[in-house]
């Protein structure tokens, strides 16, 4: 019962926090500087999550051709740049990683 209570309260707290930001941003005019700055938050967060996974496999910095995650990431970056398709980018990155891991 305690686990369900913790999950419910955690979900309500998370929902409340997100709703408060949506509600507040809808009621107040944001300065253009803040709006411009907020546009950079998603790429910064995504980079902070992805870059360590690509360049630090096993916790060690690796820029070699043996780092399959980095190579798959480079292939995904190239596809994203050329096609601007998120689905194609994800599928390419996954396919290249699987191909490299099972081939070598």
C-alpha atoms as a PDB file:
ATOM      1  CA  UNK A   1       0.000   0.000   0.000  1.00  0.00           C
ATOM      2  CA  UNK A   2       2.869   2.376   0.789  1.00  0.00           C
ATOM      3  CA  UNK A   3       4.357   1.972  -2.681  1.00  0.00           C
ATOM      4  CA  UNK A   4       1.049   2.873  -4.332  1.00  0.00           C
ATOM      5  CA  UNK A   5       0.726   5.899  -2.078  1.00  0.00           C
ATOM      6  CA  UNK A   6       4.261   7.062  -2.928  1.00  0.00           C
ATOM      7  CA  UNK A   7       3.619   6.569  -6.647  1.00  0.00           C
ATOM      8  CA  UNK A   8       0.327   8.457  -6.483  1.00  0.00           C
ATOM      9  CA  UNK A   9       1.777  11.354  -4.499  1.00  0.00           C
ATOM     10  CA  UNK A  10       4.846  11.509  -6.743  1.00  0.00           C
ATOM     11  CA  UNK A  11       2.648  11.593  -9.832  1.00  0.00           C
ATOM     12  CA  UNK A  12       0.404  14.293  -8.395  1.00  0.00           C
ATOM     13  CA  UNK A  13       3.412  16.366  -7.337  1.00  0.00           C
ATOM     14  CA  UNK A  14       5.001  16.082 -10.783  1.00  0.00           C
ATOM     15  CA  UNK A  15       1.715  16.920 -12.490  1.00  0.00           C
ATOM     16  CA  UNK A  16       1.179  19.888 -10.187  1.00  0.00           C
ATOM     17  CA  UNK A  17       4.633  21.296 -10.845  1.00  0.00           C
ATOM     18  CA  UNK A  18       4.255  21.034 -14.610  1.00  0.00           C
ATOM     19  CA  UNK A  19       0.741  22.444 -14.560  1.00  0.00           C
ATOM     20  CA  UNK A  20       1.851  25.400 -12.463  1.00  0.00           C
ATOM     21  CA  UNK A  21       4.461  26.389 -15.047  1.00  0.00           C
ATOM     22  CA  UNK A  22       1.969  26.056 -17.894  1.00  0.00           C
ATOM     23  CA  UNK A  23      -0.599  28.067 -15.948  1.00  0.00           C
ATOM     24  CA  UNK A  24       1.868  30.773 -14.945  1.00  0.00           C
ATOM     25  CA  UNK A  25       3.355  31.158 -18.419  1.00  0.00           C
ATOM     26  CA  UNK A  26      -0.158  31.525 -19.820  1.00  0.00           C
ATOM     27  CA  UNK A  27      -1.061  34.318 -17.396  1.00  0.00           C
ATOM     28  CA  UNK A  28       2.066  36.467 -17.563  1.00  0.00           C
ATOM     29  CA  UNK A  29       3.849  38.020 -20.499  1.00  0.00           C
ATOM     30  CA  UNK A  30       7.370  36.689 -20.653  1.00  0.00           C
ATOM     31  CA  UNK A  31      10.124  39.095 -21.663  1.00  0.00           C
ATOM     32  CA  UNK A  32      11.577  38.316 -25.113  1.00  0.00           C
ATOM     33  CA  UNK A  33      14.966  37.561 -23.539  1.00  0.00           C
ATOM     34  CA  UNK A  34      13.453  34.802 -21.385  1.00  0.00           C
ATOM     35  CA  UNK A  35      11.521  33.365 -24.330  1.00  0.00           C
ATOM     36  CA  UNK A  36      14.697  33.275 -26.407  1.00  0.00           C
ATOM     37  CA  UNK A  37      16.633  31.651 -23.573  1.00  0.00           C
ATOM     38  CA  UNK A  38      13.972  28.980 -23.033  1.00  0.00           C
ATOM     39  CA  UNK A  39      14.286  27.886 -26.661  1.00  0.00           C
ATOM     40  CA  UNK A  40      17.752  26.548 -25.848  1.00  0.00           C
ATOM     41  CA  UNK A  41      16.704  24.394 -22.882  1.00  0.00           C
ATOM     42  CA  UNK A  42      15.585  21.241 -24.816  1.00  0.00           C
ATOM     43  CA  UNK A  43      18.767  20.994 -26.954  1.00  0.00           C
ATOM     44  CA  UNK A  44      20.941  21.595 -23.877  1.00  0.00           C
ATOM     45  CA  UNK A  45      19.192  18.886 -21.854  1.00  0.00           C
ATOM     46  CA  UNK A  46      19.240  16.431 -24.745  1.00  0.00           C
ATOM     47  CA  UNK A  47      22.949  17.069 -25.296  1.00  0.00           C
ATOM     48  CA  UNK A  48      23.676  16.582 -21.601  1.00  0.00           C
ATOM     49  CA  UNK A  49      21.984  13.180 -21.744  1.00  0.00           C
ATOM     50  CA  UNK A  50      23.326  11.929 -25.081  1.00  0.00           C
ATOM     51  CA  UNK A  51      26.940  13.151 -25.281  1.00  0.00           C
ATOM     52  CA  UNK A  52      28.193  11.250 -22.202  1.00  0.00           C
ATOM     53  CA  UNK A  53      26.572   8.064 -23.529  1.00  0.00           C
ATOM     54  CA  UNK A  54      28.335   8.466 -26.870  1.00  0.00           C
ATOM     55  CA  UNK A  55      31.772   9.544 -25.675  1.00  0.00           C
ATOM     56  CA  UNK A  56      32.081   7.847 -22.278  1.00  0.00           C
ATOM     57  CA  UNK A  57      31.194   4.170 -22.751  1.00  0.00           C
ATOM     58  CA  UNK A  58      31.950   2.364 -19.516  1.00  0.00           C
ATOM     59  CA  UNK A  59      32.909   5.640 -17.871  1.00  0.00           C
ATOM     60  CA  UNK A  60      36.083   6.131 -19.924  1.00  0.00           C
ATOM     61  CA  UNK A  61      36.584   8.762 -22.623  1.00  0.00           C
ATOM     62  CA  UNK A  62      36.827   6.972 -25.981  1.00  0.00           C
ATOM     63  CA  UNK A  63      37.194   8.593 -29.424  1.00  0.00           C
ATOM     64  CA  UNK A  64      38.384   5.441 -31.191  1.00  0.00           C
ATOM     65  CA  UNK A  65      36.734   3.497 -34.010  1.00  0.00           C
ATOM     66  CA  UNK A  66      36.031   0.782 -31.410  1.00  0.00           C
ATOM     67  CA  UNK A  67      33.439   3.058 -29.806  1.00  0.00           C
ATOM     68  CA  UNK A  68      30.384   1.815 -31.668  1.00  0.00           C
ATOM     69  CA  UNK A  69      28.033   4.167 -29.848  1.00  0.00           C
ATOM     70  CA  UNK A  70      29.976   7.174 -31.089  1.00  0.00           C
ATOM     71  CA  UNK A  71      29.966   5.878 -34.661  1.00  0.00           C
ATOM     72  CA  UNK A  72      26.221   5.190 -34.519  1.00  0.00           C
ATOM     73  CA  UNK A  73      25.709   8.660 -33.060  1.00  0.00           C
ATOM     74  CA  UNK A  74      27.685  10.225 -35.895  1.00  0.00           C
ATOM     75  CA  UNK A  75      25.566   8.340 -38.430  1.00  0.00           C
ATOM     76  CA  UNK A  76      22.409   9.529 -36.658  1.00  0.00           C
ATOM     77  CA  UNK A  77      23.680  13.127 -36.627  1.00  0.00           C
ATOM     78  CA  UNK A  78      24.328  12.964 -40.356  1.00  0.00           C
ATOM     79  CA  UNK A  79      20.839  11.580 -41.054  1.00  0.00           C
ATOM     80  CA  UNK A  80      19.247  14.209 -38.780  1.00  0.00           C
ATOM     81  CA  UNK A  81      21.133  16.969 -40.559  1.00  0.00           C
ATOM     82  CA  UNK A  82      20.156  15.753 -44.032  1.00  0.00           C
ATOM     83  CA  UNK A  83      16.553  14.625 -43.455  1.00  0.00           C
ATOM     84  CA  UNK A  84      15.319  16.528 -40.349  1.00  0.00           C
ATOM     85  CA  UNK A  85      13.317  13.386 -39.503  1.00  0.00           C
ATOM     86  CA  UNK A  86      13.389  12.293 -35.854  1.00  0.00           C
ATOM     87  CA  UNK A  87      12.084   8.798 -36.629  1.00  0.00           C
ATOM     88  CA  UNK A  88      14.600   8.177 -39.401  1.00  0.00           C
ATOM     89  CA  UNK A  89      17.390   9.511 -37.170  1.00  0.00           C
ATOM     90  CA  UNK A  90      16.501   7.140 -34.317  1.00  0.00           C
ATOM     91  CA  UNK A  91      16.102   4.150 -36.628  1.00  0.00           C
ATOM     92  CA  UNK A  92      19.426   4.872 -38.350  1.00  0.00           C
ATOM     93  CA  UNK A  93      21.291   5.220 -35.063  1.00  0.00           C
ATOM     94  CA  UNK A  94      19.824   1.982 -33.726  1.00  0.00           C
ATOM     95  CA  UNK A  95      20.453   0.080 -36.955  1.00  0.00           C
ATOM     96  CA  UNK A  96      24.087   1.233 -37.210  1.00  0.00           C
ATOM     97  CA  UNK A  97      24.730   0.370 -33.550  1.00  0.00           C
ATOM     98  CA  UNK A  98      23.220  -3.109 -33.926  1.00  0.00           C
ATOM     99  CA  UNK A  99      25.101  -3.691 -37.185  1.00  0.00           C
ATOM    100  CA  UNK A 100      28.415  -2.677 -35.629  1.00  0.00           C
ATOM    101  CA  UNK A 101      27.911  -4.688 -32.441  1.00  0.00           C
ATOM    102  CA  UNK A 102      26.898  -7.885 -34.228  1.00  0.00           C
ATOM    103  CA  UNK A 103      29.393  -7.573 -37.088  1.00  0.00           C
ATOM    104  CA  UNK A 104      32.569  -6.833 -35.153  1.00  0.00           C
END
